[in-house]
């Protein structure tokens, strides 16, 4: 299951924020995005919206500077954060129903290795998908 699927199936805004924070944590080893954007914590929907705005700036500047690596990383993160911010807005407006405890998102979260906070669910990693 890919990260966007997990965001789509997330039960609450807190789950979406946890997935976005995990995504940022996985990118912290990559030097393609600037350090100011990779800083944690990411614990409030306003932080996610600010990061989304920052990604637009990163993609704009890196494309003008012909920095293909940073531009590609920014576009990928922009895709994830745009969907995440949309889902947060839908949750806040009450347009997104909560899912039952047996949904694929809940099962994928429960399958994550205990004791390793911030790890992506094993279902996403075991199939070779990356966020």
Foldseek 3Di string as FASTA:
>chain_A
DALLVLLLQDQALQSLQLSLQLQLVVCPVPPLEDPVLSDDDRGDLVSLVVSLVVLVVQLVVCVVVVVVSNNVVSVVNNVSSVSSSVSNVCRVVVNRHGDDCPDPSNVQVVQQDPPDRSDGRVVCPVVPHDD
